[in-house]
Amino acid sequence: MLQKAPKPVRKPTNVTIDAALVEEAKALGLNMSQLAEEALAKAVSEEKSRRWKIENQAKLDAWNDYVDKNGLPLAKYRLF
């Protein structure tokens, strides 16, 4: 039996958005809360990825140097 994922806790938040853009979105029937949440989730994910790359750059460089000098581990078992 599949379990439903718990609903995320929502927090009412005030944002300031260009009034003309709000009116246009309403006229188009767009769900601004959903769109804002999706855009914010994407921005958070991209920022976390960017920071991870910065924090781990030395490790990534070390691994790339190792592969350049020694080749890929287990490369002899590759079938392609």
C-alpha atoms as a PDB file:
ATOM      1  CA  MET A   1       0.000   0.000   0.000  1.00  0.00           C
ATOM      2  CA  LEU A   2       1.403   3.370  -1.006  1.00  0.00           C
ATOM      3  CA  GLN A   3       1.524   6.069   1.606  1.00  0.00           C
ATOM      4  CA  LYS A   4       0.706   9.640   0.747  1.00  0.00           C
ATOM      5  CA  ALA A   5       3.464  12.164   1.213  1.00  0.00           C
ATOM      6  CA  PRO A   6       2.700  14.536   4.065  1.00  0.00           C
ATOM      7  CA  LYS A   7       1.400  17.910   2.990  1.00  0.00           C
ATOM      8  CA  PRO A   8       4.007  20.625   3.392  1.00  0.00           C
ATOM      9  CA  VAL A   9       3.315  23.205   6.066  1.00  0.00           C
ATOM     10  CA  ARG A  10       2.370  26.480   4.433  1.00  0.00           C
ATOM     11  CA  LYS A  11       3.289  29.870   5.868  1.00  0.00           C
ATOM     12  CA  PRO A  12       1.458  33.012   4.800  1.00  0.00           C
ATOM     13  CA  THR A  13       4.015  35.482   3.478  1.00  0.00           C
ATOM     14  CA  ASN A  14       3.749  39.021   2.218  1.00  0.00           C
ATOM     15  CA  VAL A  15       5.587  39.866  -0.977  1.00  0.00           C
ATOM     16  CA  THR A  16       5.692  42.996  -3.055  1.00  0.00           C
ATOM     17  CA  ILE A  17       5.082  42.440  -6.756  1.00  0.00           C
ATOM     18  CA  ASP A  18       4.541  44.852  -9.637  1.00  0.00           C
ATOM     19  CA  ALA A  19       0.813  45.665  -9.612  1.00  0.00           C
ATOM     20  CA  ALA A  20       0.450  45.396 -13.384  1.00  0.00           C
ATOM     21  CA  LEU A  21       2.057  41.963 -13.326  1.00  0.00           C
ATOM     22  CA  VAL A  22      -0.322  40.826 -10.563  1.00  0.00           C
ATOM     23  CA  GLU A  23      -3.339  42.004 -12.545  1.00  0.00           C
ATOM     24  CA  GLU A  24      -2.124  40.305 -15.698  1.00  0.00           C
ATOM     25  CA  ALA A  25      -1.518  37.047 -13.828  1.00  0.00           C
ATOM     26  CA  LYS A  26      -5.018  37.220 -12.321  1.00  0.00           C
ATOM     27  CA  ALA A  27      -6.530  37.886 -15.733  1.00  0.00           C
ATOM     28  CA  LEU A  28      -4.760  34.803 -17.073  1.00  0.00           C
ATOM     29  CA  GLY A  29      -6.000  32.705 -14.182  1.00  0.00           C
ATOM     30  CA  LEU A  30      -2.513  31.923 -12.922  1.00  0.00           C
ATOM     31  CA  ASN A  31      -2.020  30.633  -9.394  1.00  0.00           C
ATOM     32  CA  MET A  32       0.527  33.150  -8.112  1.00  0.00           C
ATOM     33  CA  SER A  33       1.178  31.314  -4.846  1.00  0.00           C
ATOM     34  CA  GLN A  34       1.977  28.088  -6.665  1.00  0.00           C
ATOM     35  CA  LEU A  35       4.147  29.863  -9.233  1.00  0.00           C
ATOM     36  CA  ALA A  36       6.029  31.757  -6.533  1.00  0.00           C
ATOM     37  CA  GLU A  37       6.604  28.556  -4.556  1.00  0.00           C
ATOM     38  CA  GLU A  38       7.881  26.699  -7.636  1.00  0.00           C
ATOM     39  CA  ALA A  39      10.201  29.557  -8.587  1.00  0.00           C
ATOM     40  CA  LEU A  40      11.491  29.841  -5.014  1.00  0.00           C
ATOM     41  CA  ALA A  41      12.070  26.074  -4.800  1.00  0.00           C
ATOM     42  CA  LYS A  42      14.047  26.201  -8.060  1.00  0.00           C
ATOM     43  CA  ALA A  43      16.119  29.175  -6.860  1.00  0.00           C
ATOM     44  CA  VAL A  44      16.859  27.431  -3.543  1.00  0.00           C
ATOM     45  CA  SER A  45      17.906  24.236  -5.332  1.00  0.00           C
ATOM     46  CA  GLU A  46      20.186  26.121  -7.742  1.00  0.00           C
ATOM     47  CA  GLU A  47      21.800  28.099  -4.907  1.00  0.00           C
ATOM     48  CA  LYS A  48      22.384  24.965  -2.836  1.00  0.00           C
ATOM     49  CA  SER A  49      23.997  23.315  -5.864  1.00  0.00           C
ATOM     50  CA  ARG A  50      26.195  26.352  -6.512  1.00  0.00           C
ATOM     51  CA  ARG A  51      27.343  26.428  -2.884  1.00  0.00           C
ATOM     52  CA  TRP A  52      27.995  22.663  -2.844  1.00  0.00           C
ATOM     53  CA  LYS A  53      30.230  23.013  -5.892  1.00  0.00           C
ATOM     54  CA  ILE A  54      32.190  25.829  -4.227  1.00  0.00           C
ATOM     55  CA  GLU A  55      32.537  23.908  -0.940  1.00  0.00           C
ATOM     56  CA  ASN A  56      33.671  20.739  -2.714  1.00  0.00           C
ATOM     57  CA  GLN A  57      35.802  22.247  -5.482  1.00  0.00           C
ATOM     58  CA  ALA A  58      39.086  21.109  -3.894  1.00  0.00           C
ATOM     59  CA  LYS A  59      37.807  17.524  -3.660  1.00  0.00           C
ATOM     60  CA  LEU A  60      36.548  17.608  -7.237  1.00  0.00           C
ATOM     61  CA  ASP A  61      39.892  18.947  -8.456  1.00  0.00           C
ATOM     62  CA  ALA A  62      41.773  16.267  -6.486  1.00  0.00           C
ATOM     63  CA  TRP A  63      39.623  13.524  -7.989  1.00  0.00           C
ATOM     64  CA  ASN A  64      40.099  14.910 -11.504  1.00  0.00           C
ATOM     65  CA  ASP A  65      43.873  15.035 -10.943  1.00  0.00           C
ATOM     66  CA  TYR A  66      43.821  11.417  -9.735  1.00  0.00           C
ATOM     67  CA  VAL A  67      41.891  10.286 -12.820  1.00  0.00           C
ATOM     68  CA  ASP A  68      44.228  12.251 -15.104  1.00  0.00           C
ATOM     69  CA  LYS A  69      47.262  10.537 -13.552  1.00  0.00           C
ATOM     70  CA  ASN A  70      45.873   7.048 -12.945  1.00  0.00           C
ATOM     71  CA  GLY A  71      42.842   6.647 -15.177  1.00  0.00           C
ATOM     72  CA  LEU A  72      39.430   5.550 -14.015  1.00  0.00           C
ATOM     73  CA  PRO A  73      39.303   2.894 -11.319  1.00  0.00           C
ATOM     74  CA  LEU A  74      38.065  -0.428 -12.696  1.00  0.00           C
ATOM     75  CA  ALA A  75      38.435   0.898 -16.261  1.00  0.00           C
ATOM     76  CA  LYS A  76      39.725  -2.504 -17.353  1.00  0.00           C
ATOM     77  CA  TYR A  77      36.270  -3.945 -16.669  1.00  0.00           C
ATOM     78  CA  ARG A  78      34.423  -1.480 -18.893  1.00  0.00           C
ATOM     79  CA  LEU A  79      32.717  -3.021 -21.904  1.00  0.00           C
ATOM     80  CA  PHE A  80      32.643   0.172 -23.993  1.00  0.00           C
END
